[in-house]
Amino acid sequence: MNYKAPLLLTLAALIVLASCAKSSTGRNQITLFSSSDLNKMGASSFEQMKEKEKISTDIAINNYVQCVAKAITKNVPKSAHKGEWEVVVFDSEQVNAFALPGGKIGVYTGILKVAENQNQLGAIIGHEVGHVIERHSNERMSSSKISQTGMAVVDTALSVGNVENRNLWMSGLGLGLQYGILMPYGRTHESEADIVGQDLMAKSGFEPSAAISLWQNMAKLSNGSPPEFMSTHPSNETRINQLTEHLPKSQAYYKASNAPSCKKPKNI
């Protein structure tokens, strides 16, 4: 008996029912969760982060990050977040930053050493806020939910049908979902956030070519990274090429903007 067709039909039906949204780039999206639910999850996660991580008390560093973040968030569509944004600087060597639904931004001091100036920090924050604008958290959670449902359907079918080597089939299916759906889905999000973030930083007065130089800096730190097809993120080379190709469009936004004055502290 062929169990592949019923599985595909079930997954297809779920996706069709859930695909009721589009990203700003025109991509169909699977969004099973409400904005209210995502905002609550984002706020809860942020509070946990503040309890777990050390928060920077350096006034100069905080003023610098707040200056860049404020310039970026002024241009975020109200559909993504209507209120004020909470921005926290975490005192950590991690080269990381993030933005969460509900207007939350976290920046680790470690990434400030990679971002050479306000323009490159604008690229980082623009990229992270881009994930929020495009509802990527909702998509990732929805994709995971659908994948879990599909796995459960197949497991039940194989069990009822007394199919030999059931565990082997399930292992293979899991591998297929991981490398065939979930990882490329993550790369799509990252590439989309790169482009949306480049436009956002340009509208906010930050030189969009800095996004390219930022990833050139990142490339120097990424020794031993896995091949792109085994990673949830595009390769640095792919990101640089995509941002370079999109640069003329974002440059047009930049020319119509006003550059903020956010000076990087000398102690970073």
C-alpha atoms as a PDB file:
ATOM      1  CA  MET A   1       0.000   0.000   0.000  1.00  0.00           C
ATOM      2  CA  ASN A   2       1.340   3.454  -0.893  1.00  0.00           C
ATOM      3  CA  TYR A   3       1.301   5.724   2.178  1.00  0.00           C
ATOM      4  CA  LYS A   4       3.219   8.547   0.544  1.00  0.00           C
ATOM      5  CA  ALA A   5       0.220   9.949  -1.377  1.00  0.00           C
ATOM      6  CA  PRO A   6      -2.097  10.255   1.666  1.00  0.00           C
ATOM      7  CA  LEU A   7       0.661  11.996   3.593  1.00  0.00           C
ATOM      8  CA  LEU A   8       1.295  14.501   0.820  1.00  0.00           C
ATOM      9  CA  LEU A   9      -2.424  15.161   0.447  1.00  0.00           C
ATOM     10  CA  THR A  10      -2.797  15.726   4.174  1.00  0.00           C
ATOM     11  CA  LEU A  11       0.121  18.114   4.331  1.00  0.00           C
ATOM     12  CA  ALA A  12      -1.051  19.923   1.194  1.00  0.00           C
ATOM     13  CA  ALA A  13      -4.518  20.384   2.674  1.00  0.00           C
ATOM     14  CA  LEU A  14      -3.066  21.822   5.872  1.00  0.00           C
ATOM     15  CA  ILE A  15      -0.840  24.213   3.975  1.00  0.00           C
ATOM     16  CA  VAL A  16      -3.656  25.416   1.702  1.00  0.00           C
ATOM     17  CA  LEU A  17      -5.911  26.057   4.688  1.00  0.00           C
ATOM     18  CA  ALA A  18      -3.170  27.913   6.544  1.00  0.00           C
ATOM     19  CA  SER A  19      -1.753  29.974   3.658  1.00  0.00           C
ATOM     20  CA  CYS A  20      -3.801  33.099   4.131  1.00  0.00           C
ATOM     21  CA  ALA A  21      -0.994  35.672   4.257  1.00  0.00           C
ATOM     22  CA  LYS A  22       1.752  37.105   2.087  1.00  0.00           C
ATOM     23  CA  SER A  23       5.078  38.649   2.995  1.00  0.00           C
ATOM     24  CA  SER A  24       5.990  42.139   1.755  1.00  0.00           C
ATOM     25  CA  THR A  25       8.068  40.427  -0.932  1.00  0.00           C
ATOM     26  CA  GLY A  26       4.988  38.584  -2.221  1.00  0.00           C
ATOM     27  CA  ARG A  27       5.818  35.172  -0.782  1.00  0.00           C
ATOM     28  CA  ASN A  28       2.949  32.978   0.452  1.00  0.00           C
ATOM     29  CA  GLN A  29       3.069  32.437   4.206  1.00  0.00           C
ATOM     30  CA  ILE A  30       1.773  29.802   6.623  1.00  0.00           C
ATOM     31  CA  THR A  31       0.568  31.603   9.760  1.00  0.00           C
ATOM     32  CA  LEU A  32      -1.424  29.534  12.232  1.00  0.00           C
ATOM     33  CA  PHE A  33      -0.985  31.788  15.269  1.00  0.00           C
ATOM     34  CA  SER A  34      -2.542  35.175  16.068  1.00  0.00           C
ATOM     35  CA  SER A  35      -0.463  38.340  16.424  1.00  0.00           C
ATOM     36  CA  SER A  36      -1.724  38.660  19.992  1.00  0.00           C
ATOM     37  CA  ASP A  37      -0.415  35.211  20.879  1.00  0.00           C
ATOM     38  CA  LEU A  38       2.971  35.918  19.261  1.00  0.00           C
ATOM     39  CA  ASN A  39       3.273  39.253  21.074  1.00  0.00           C
ATOM     40  CA  LYS A  40       2.629  37.558  24.417  1.00  0.00           C
ATOM     41  CA  MET A  41       5.195  34.864  23.633  1.00  0.00           C
ATOM     42  CA  GLY A  42       7.723  37.502  22.601  1.00  0.00           C
ATOM     43  CA  ALA A  43       7.204  39.539  25.771  1.00  0.00           C
ATOM     44  CA  SER A  44       7.454  36.443  27.962  1.00  0.00           C
ATOM     45  CA  SER A  45      10.644  35.256  26.254  1.00  0.00           C
ATOM     46  CA  PHE A  46      12.190  38.714  26.559  1.00  0.00           C
ATOM     47  CA  GLU A  47      11.517  38.846  30.295  1.00  0.00           C
ATOM     48  CA  GLN A  48      13.191  35.465  30.682  1.00  0.00           C
ATOM     49  CA  MET A  49      16.192  36.717  28.718  1.00  0.00           C
ATOM     50  CA  LYS A  50      16.515  39.762  30.987  1.00  0.00           C
ATOM     51  CA  GLU A  51      16.497  37.531  34.048  1.00  0.00           C
ATOM     52  CA  LYS A  52      19.023  35.103  32.574  1.00  0.00           C
ATOM     53  CA  GLU A  53      21.514  37.429  30.855  1.00  0.00           C
ATOM     54  CA  LYS A  54      23.649  40.210  32.308  1.00  0.00           C
ATOM     55  CA  ILE A  55      22.393  43.618  31.201  1.00  0.00           C
ATOM     56  CA  SER A  56      24.934  46.277  30.263  1.00  0.00           C
ATOM     57  CA  THR A  57      25.043  49.377  32.479  1.00  0.00           C
ATOM     58  CA  ASP A  58      27.483  51.243  30.222  1.00  0.00           C
ATOM     59  CA  ILE A  59      25.727  54.537  29.491  1.00  0.00           C
ATOM     60  CA  ALA A  60      27.657  55.311  26.295  1.00  0.00           C
ATOM     61  CA  ILE A  61      27.024  51.872  24.796  1.00  0.00           C
ATOM     62  CA  ASN A  62      23.350  51.942  25.725  1.00  0.00           C
ATOM     63  CA  ASN A  63      22.883  55.420  24.248  1.00  0.00           C
ATOM     64  CA  TYR A  64      24.584  54.301  21.028  1.00  0.00           C
ATOM     65  CA  VAL A  65      22.416  51.195  20.578  1.00  0.00           C
ATOM     66  CA  GLN A  66      19.255  53.080  21.566  1.00  0.00           C
ATOM     67  CA  CYS A  67      20.051  55.802  19.019  1.00  0.00           C
ATOM     68  CA  VAL A  68      20.393  53.318  16.160  1.00  0.00           C
ATOM     69  CA  ALA A  69      17.380  51.268  17.243  1.00  0.00           C
ATOM     70  CA  LYS A  70      15.180  54.346  17.584  1.00  0.00           C
ATOM     71  CA  ALA A  71      16.038  55.478  14.056  1.00  0.00           C
ATOM     72  CA  ILE A  72      15.182  51.999  12.702  1.00  0.00           C
ATOM     73  CA  THR A  73      11.935  51.450  14.612  1.00  0.00           C
ATOM     74  CA  LYS A  74      10.520  54.802  13.524  1.00  0.00           C
ATOM     75  CA  ASN A  75      10.127  53.285  10.066  1.00  0.00           C
ATOM     76  CA  VAL A  76       8.633  49.942  11.085  1.00  0.00           C
ATOM     77  CA  PRO A  77       5.079  49.486   9.731  1.00  0.00           C
ATOM     78  CA  LYS A  78       2.381  49.762  12.392  1.00  0.00           C
ATOM     79  CA  SER A  79       1.098  46.380  11.239  1.00  0.00           C
ATOM     80  CA  ALA A  80       4.252  44.866  12.781  1.00  0.00           C
ATOM     81  CA  HIS A  81       4.139  46.812  16.051  1.00  0.00           C
ATOM     82  CA  LYS A  82       2.126  49.861  17.080  1.00  0.00           C
ATOM     83  CA  GLY A  83       3.664  50.835  20.427  1.00  0.00           C
ATOM     84  CA  GLU A  84       7.081  51.656  21.800  1.00  0.00           C
ATOM     85  CA  TRP A  85      10.009  49.297  21.299  1.00  0.00           C
ATOM     86  CA  GLU A  86      11.951  48.008  24.284  1.00  0.00           C
ATOM     87  CA  VAL A  87      15.673  47.788  23.567  1.00  0.00           C
ATOM     88  CA  VAL A  88      18.092  46.026  25.926  1.00  0.00           C
ATOM     89  CA  VAL A  89      21.872  45.675  25.605  1.00  0.00           C
ATOM     90  CA  PHE A  90      23.207  42.421  27.038  1.00  0.00           C
ATOM     91  CA  ASP A  91      26.755  42.437  28.399  1.00  0.00           C
ATOM     92  CA  SER A  92      28.079  39.341  26.655  1.00  0.00           C
ATOM     93  CA  GLU A  93      30.783  38.375  24.175  1.00  0.00           C
ATOM     94  CA  GLN A  94      28.176  36.613  22.032  1.00  0.00           C
ATOM     95  CA  VAL A  95      28.102  37.920  18.470  1.00  0.00           C
ATOM     96  CA  ASN A  96      24.337  38.113  18.408  1.00  0.00           C
ATOM     97  CA  ALA A  97      21.222  40.269  18.312  1.00  0.00           C
ATOM     98  CA  PHE A  98      17.511  39.548  17.994  1.00  0.00           C
ATOM     99  CA  ALA A  99      14.068  41.097  17.734  1.00  0.00           C
ATOM    100  CA  LEU A 100      10.849  39.538  18.992  1.00  0.00           C
ATOM    101  CA  PRO A 101       7.145  40.073  18.286  1.00  0.00           C
ATOM    102  CA  GLY A 102       5.693  42.647  20.658  1.00  0.00           C
ATOM    103  CA  GLY A 103       8.402  45.250  20.067  1.00  0.00           C
ATOM    104  CA  LYS A 104      11.436  43.724  21.778  1.00  0.00           C
ATOM    105  CA  ILE A 105      15.067  44.113  20.662  1.00  0.00           C
ATOM    106  CA  GLY A 106      18.140  42.570  22.257  1.00  0.00           C
ATOM    107  CA  VAL A 107      21.712  43.431  21.292  1.00  0.00           C
ATOM    108  CA  TYR A 108      24.786  41.662  22.704  1.00  0.00           C
ATOM    109  CA  THR A 109      27.892  43.761  23.222  1.00  0.00           C
ATOM    110  CA  GLY A 110      29.918  41.128  21.359  1.00  0.00           C
ATOM    111  CA  ILE A 111      28.300  42.031  18.058  1.00  0.00           C
ATOM    112  CA  LEU A 112      29.237  45.684  18.508  1.00  0.00           C
ATOM    113  CA  LYS A 113      32.863  44.676  17.932  1.00  0.00           C
ATOM    114  CA  VAL A 114      31.931  43.228  14.541  1.00  0.00           C
ATOM    115  CA  ALA A 115      29.721  46.163  13.530  1.00  0.00           C
ATOM    116  CA  GLU A 116      32.333  48.836  12.825  1.00  0.00           C
ATOM    117  CA  ASN A 117      30.002  51.838  12.824  1.00  0.00           C
ATOM    118  CA  GLN A 118      26.404  53.024  13.128  1.00  0.00           C
ATOM    119  CA  ASN A 119      25.612  51.928   9.572  1.00  0.00           C
ATOM    120  CA  GLN A 120      26.625  48.332  10.189  1.00  0.00           C
ATOM    121  CA  LEU A 121      24.731  48.276  13.501  1.00  0.00           C
ATOM    122  CA  GLY A 122      21.770  49.649  11.568  1.00  0.00           C
ATOM    123  CA  ALA A 123      22.108  46.667   9.216  1.00  0.00           C
ATOM    124  CA  ILE A 124      22.039  44.257  12.162  1.00  0.00           C
ATOM    125  CA  ILE A 125      19.009  45.788  13.850  1.00  0.00           C
ATOM    126  CA  GLY A 126      17.262  46.273  10.514  1.00  0.00           C
ATOM    127  CA  HIS A 127      17.739  42.583   9.709  1.00  0.00           C
ATOM    128  CA  GLU A 128      16.427  41.412  13.095  1.00  0.00           C
ATOM    129  CA  VAL A 129      13.410  43.719  12.955  1.00  0.00           C
ATOM    130  CA  GLY A 130      12.850  42.458   9.408  1.00  0.00           C
ATOM    131  CA  HIS A 131      12.067  39.034  10.889  1.00  0.00           C
ATOM    132  CA  VAL A 132       9.322  40.647  12.991  1.00  0.00           C
ATOM    133  CA  ILE A 133       7.911  42.654  10.075  1.00  0.00           C
ATOM    134  CA  GLU A 134       7.632  39.519   7.940  1.00  0.00           C
ATOM    135  CA  ARG A 135       6.099  37.384  10.755  1.00  0.00           C
ATOM    136  CA  HIS A 136       8.870  34.792  10.532  1.00  0.00           C
ATOM    137  CA  SER A 137       8.354  33.606  14.106  1.00  0.00           C
ATOM    138  CA  ASN A 138       4.760  32.779  13.221  1.00  0.00           C
ATOM    139  CA  GLU A 139       5.858  30.919  10.108  1.00  0.00           C
ATOM    140  CA  ARG A 140       8.526  28.914  11.918  1.00  0.00           C
ATOM    141  CA  MET A 141       6.137  27.849  14.642  1.00  0.00           C
ATOM    142  CA  SER A 142       3.448  27.052  12.070  1.00  0.00           C
ATOM    143  CA  SER A 143       5.865  25.051   9.941  1.00  0.00           C
ATOM    144  CA  SER A 144       6.944  23.056  12.971  1.00  0.00           C
ATOM    145  CA  LYS A 145       3.306  22.404  13.888  1.00  0.00           C
ATOM    146  CA  ILE A 146       2.457  21.143  10.413  1.00  0.00           C
ATOM    147  CA  SER A 147       5.581  18.967  10.306  1.00  0.00           C
ATOM    148  CA  GLN A 148       4.673  17.389  13.634  1.00  0.00           C
ATOM    149  CA  THR A 149       1.160  16.727  12.364  1.00  0.00           C
ATOM    150  CA  GLY A 150       2.476  15.131   9.187  1.00  0.00           C
ATOM    151  CA  MET A 151       4.862  12.898  11.109  1.00  0.00           C
ATOM    152  CA  ALA A 152       2.026  11.775  13.390  1.00  0.00           C
ATOM    153  CA  VAL A 153      -0.164  10.933  10.370  1.00  0.00           C
ATOM    154  CA  VAL A 154       2.553   8.792   8.787  1.00  0.00           C
ATOM    155  CA  ASP A 155       3.432   7.087  12.063  1.00  0.00           C
ATOM    156  CA  THR A 156      -0.209   6.112  12.556  1.00  0.00           C
ATOM    157  CA  ALA A 157      -0.552   4.875   8.974  1.00  0.00           C
ATOM    158  CA  LEU A 158       2.591   2.778   9.174  1.00  0.00           C
ATOM    159  CA  SER A 159       1.546   1.363  12.525  1.00  0.00           C
ATOM    160  CA  VAL A 160      -1.953   0.413  11.366  1.00  0.00           C
ATOM    161  CA  GLY A 161      -0.602  -1.086   8.152  1.00  0.00           C
ATOM    162  CA  ASN A 162       2.026  -3.104  10.046  1.00  0.00           C
ATOM    163  CA  VAL A 163       4.693  -1.864   7.653  1.00  0.00           C
ATOM    164  CA  GLU A 164       8.100  -3.492   8.013  1.00  0.00           C
ATOM    165  CA  ASN A 165      11.075  -1.317   8.991  1.00  0.00           C
ATOM    166  CA  ARG A 166       8.692   1.338  10.295  1.00  0.00           C
ATOM    167  CA  ASN A 167      11.392   3.046  12.393  1.00  0.00           C
ATOM    168  CA  LEU A 168      13.681   3.260   9.384  1.00  0.00           C
ATOM    169  CA  TRP A 169      10.934   4.882   7.309  1.00  0.00           C
ATOM    170  CA  MET A 170      10.220   7.402  10.086  1.00  0.00           C
ATOM    171  CA  SER A 171      13.904   8.217  10.410  1.00  0.00           C
ATOM    172  CA  GLY A 172      14.145   8.810   6.681  1.00  0.00           C
ATOM    173  CA  LEU A 173      11.049  10.988   6.671  1.00  0.00           C
ATOM    174  CA  GLY A 174      12.414  13.064   9.528  1.00  0.00           C
ATOM    175  CA  LEU A 175      15.637  13.625   7.611  1.00  0.00           C
ATOM    176  CA  GLY A 176      13.627  14.619   4.554  1.00  0.00           C
ATOM    177  CA  LEU A 177      11.585  17.126   6.529  1.00  0.00           C
ATOM    178  CA  GLN A 178      14.676  18.584   8.142  1.00  0.00           C
ATOM    179  CA  TYR A 179      16.741  19.111   5.005  1.00  0.00           C
ATOM    180  CA  GLY A 180      13.893  19.393   2.505  1.00  0.00           C
ATOM    181  CA  ILE A 181      11.541  21.767   4.312  1.00  0.00           C
ATOM    182  CA  LEU A 182      12.651  23.192   7.642  1.00  0.00           C
ATOM    183  CA  MET A 183      16.204  24.217   6.793  1.00  0.00           C
ATOM    184  CA  PRO A 184      15.453  25.797   3.398  1.00  0.00           C
ATOM    185  CA  TYR A 185      12.521  27.539   5.074  1.00  0.00           C
ATOM    186  CA  GLY A 186      14.983  29.056   7.529  1.00  0.00           C
ATOM    187  CA  ARG A 187      17.265  30.190   4.713  1.00  0.00           C
ATOM    188  CA  THR A 188      14.308  31.815   2.977  1.00  0.00           C
ATOM    189  CA  HIS A 189      13.554  33.775   6.136  1.00  0.00           C
ATOM    190  CA  GLU A 190      17.137  34.911   6.546  1.00  0.00           C
ATOM    191  CA  SER A 191      17.431  36.046   2.928  1.00  0.00           C
ATOM    192  CA  GLU A 192      14.109  37.874   3.156  1.00  0.00           C
ATOM    193  CA  ALA A 193      15.142  39.591   6.408  1.00  0.00           C
ATOM    194  CA  ASP A 194      18.392  40.647   4.736  1.00  0.00           C
ATOM    195  CA  ILE A 195      16.549  42.424   1.934  1.00  0.00           C
ATOM    196  CA  VAL A 196      13.758  43.860   4.091  1.00  0.00           C
ATOM    197  CA  GLY A 197      16.359  44.971   6.627  1.00  0.00           C
ATOM    198  CA  GLN A 198      18.510  46.626   3.971  1.00  0.00           C
ATOM    199  CA  ASP A 199      15.533  48.669   2.790  1.00  0.00           C
ATOM    200  CA  LEU A 200      14.568  49.499   6.376  1.00  0.00           C
ATOM    201  CA  MET A 201      18.053  50.687   7.329  1.00  0.00           C
ATOM    202  CA  ALA A 202      18.216  52.808   4.169  1.00  0.00           C
ATOM    203  CA  LYS A 203      14.858  54.462   4.922  1.00  0.00           C
ATOM    204  CA  SER A 204      16.193  55.137   8.430  1.00  0.00           C
ATOM    205  CA  GLY A 205      19.270  57.000   7.174  1.00  0.00           C
ATOM    206  CA  PHE A 206      21.900  54.257   7.323  1.00  0.00           C
ATOM    207  CA  GLU A 207      24.121  53.572   4.305  1.00  0.00           C
ATOM    208  CA  PRO A 208      22.738  50.306   2.828  1.00  0.00           C
ATOM    209  CA  SER A 209      26.108  49.206   1.441  1.00  0.00           C
ATOM    210  CA  ALA A 210      27.115  48.720   5.087  1.00  0.00           C
ATOM    211  CA  ALA A 211      25.002  45.548   5.110  1.00  0.00           C
ATOM    212  CA  ILE A 212      27.435  44.100   2.581  1.00  0.00           C
ATOM    213  CA  SER A 213      30.549  45.090   4.526  1.00  0.00           C
ATOM    214  CA  LEU A 214      28.937  43.729   7.712  1.00  0.00           C
ATOM    215  CA  TRP A 215      28.604  40.260   6.197  1.00  0.00           C
ATOM    216  CA  GLN A 216      32.132  40.494   4.884  1.00  0.00           C
ATOM    217  CA  ASN A 217      33.156  40.996   8.518  1.00  0.00           C
ATOM    218  CA  MET A 218      30.970  38.065   9.550  1.00  0.00           C
ATOM    219  CA  ALA A 219      32.631  35.868   6.926  1.00  0.00           C
ATOM    220  CA  LYS A 220      35.983  36.363   8.649  1.00  0.00           C
ATOM    221  CA  LEU A 221      34.504  34.920  11.855  1.00  0.00           C
ATOM    222  CA  SER A 222      32.748  31.912  10.309  1.00  0.00           C
ATOM    223  CA  ASN A 223      35.614  29.441   9.889  1.00  0.00           C
ATOM    224  CA  GLY A 224      34.413  25.847   9.648  1.00  0.00           C
ATOM    225  CA  SER A 225      30.771  26.681   8.892  1.00  0.00           C
ATOM    226  CA  PRO A 226      28.710  23.797   7.453  1.00  0.00           C
ATOM    227  CA  PRO A 227      27.781  23.698   3.737  1.00  0.00           C
ATOM    228  CA  GLU A 228      24.828  25.931   2.902  1.00  0.00           C
ATOM    229  CA  PHE A 229      22.499  22.987   2.151  1.00  0.00           C
ATOM    230  CA  MET A 230      23.050  21.747   5.744  1.00  0.00           C
ATOM    231  CA  SER A 231      22.584  25.118   7.409  1.00  0.00           C
ATOM    232  CA  THR A 232      19.538  27.122   8.430  1.00  0.00           C
ATOM    233  CA  HIS A 233      21.295  30.281   7.198  1.00  0.00           C
ATOM    234  CA  PRO A 234      22.486  31.251   3.721  1.00  0.00           C
ATOM    235  CA  SER A 235      26.244  31.236   3.243  1.00  0.00           C
ATOM    236  CA  ASN A 236      28.022  34.553   3.738  1.00  0.00           C
ATOM    237  CA  GLU A 237      28.809  34.596   0.007  1.00  0.00           C
ATOM    238  CA  THR A 238      25.130  34.130  -0.877  1.00  0.00           C
ATOM    239  CA  ARG A 239      24.066  36.912   1.470  1.00  0.00           C
ATOM    240  CA  ILE A 240      26.705  39.298   0.123  1.00  0.00           C
ATOM    241  CA  ASN A 241      25.655  38.583  -3.484  1.00  0.00           C
ATOM    242  CA  GLN A 242      21.949  39.075  -2.730  1.00  0.00           C
ATOM    243  CA  LEU A 243      22.530  42.325  -0.839  1.00  0.00           C
ATOM    244  CA  THR A 244      24.806  43.626  -3.600  1.00  0.00           C
ATOM    245  CA  GLU A 245      22.162  42.849  -6.229  1.00  0.00           C
ATOM    246  CA  HIS A 246      19.473  44.628  -4.190  1.00  0.00           C
ATOM    247  CA  LEU A 247      21.667  47.647  -3.339  1.00  0.00           C
ATOM    248  CA  PRO A 248      20.454  49.998  -6.136  1.00  0.00           C
ATOM    249  CA  LYS A 249      16.879  49.802  -4.832  1.00  0.00           C
ATOM    250  CA  SER A 250      17.839  50.431  -1.209  1.00  0.00           C
ATOM    251  CA  GLN A 251      20.160  53.269  -2.276  1.00  0.00           C
ATOM    252  CA  ALA A 252      17.131  55.098  -3.634  1.00  0.00           C
ATOM    253  CA  TYR A 253      15.527  54.925  -0.178  1.00  0.00           C
ATOM    254  CA  TYR A 254      18.743  56.125   1.433  1.00  0.00           C
ATOM    255  CA  LYS A 255      18.996  59.211  -0.767  1.00  0.00           C
ATOM    256  CA  ALA A 256      15.534  60.300   0.412  1.00  0.00           C
ATOM    257  CA  SER A 257      16.344  59.783   4.114  1.00  0.00           C
ATOM    258  CA  ASN A 258      18.037  61.778   6.857  1.00  0.00           C
ATOM    259  CA  ALA A 259      21.068  60.183   8.493  1.00  0.00           C
ATOM    260  CA  PRO A 260      20.963  60.050  12.319  1.00  0.00           C
ATOM    261  CA  SER A 261      24.035  60.883  14.383  1.00  0.00           C
ATOM    262  CA  CYS A 262      24.816  57.810  16.496  1.00  0.00           C
ATOM    263  CA  LYS A 263      28.517  57.780  17.374  1.00  0.00           C
ATOM    264  CA  LYS A 264      30.078  54.470  18.322  1.00  0.00           C
ATOM    265  CA  PRO A 265      31.776  54.678  21.756  1.00  0.00           C
ATOM    266  CA  LYS A 266      35.556  54.366  21.756  1.00  0.00           C
ATOM    267  CA  ASN A 267      35.522  51.681  24.453  1.00  0.00           C
ATOM    268  CA  ILE A 268      33.936  49.064  22.156  1.00  0.00           C
END
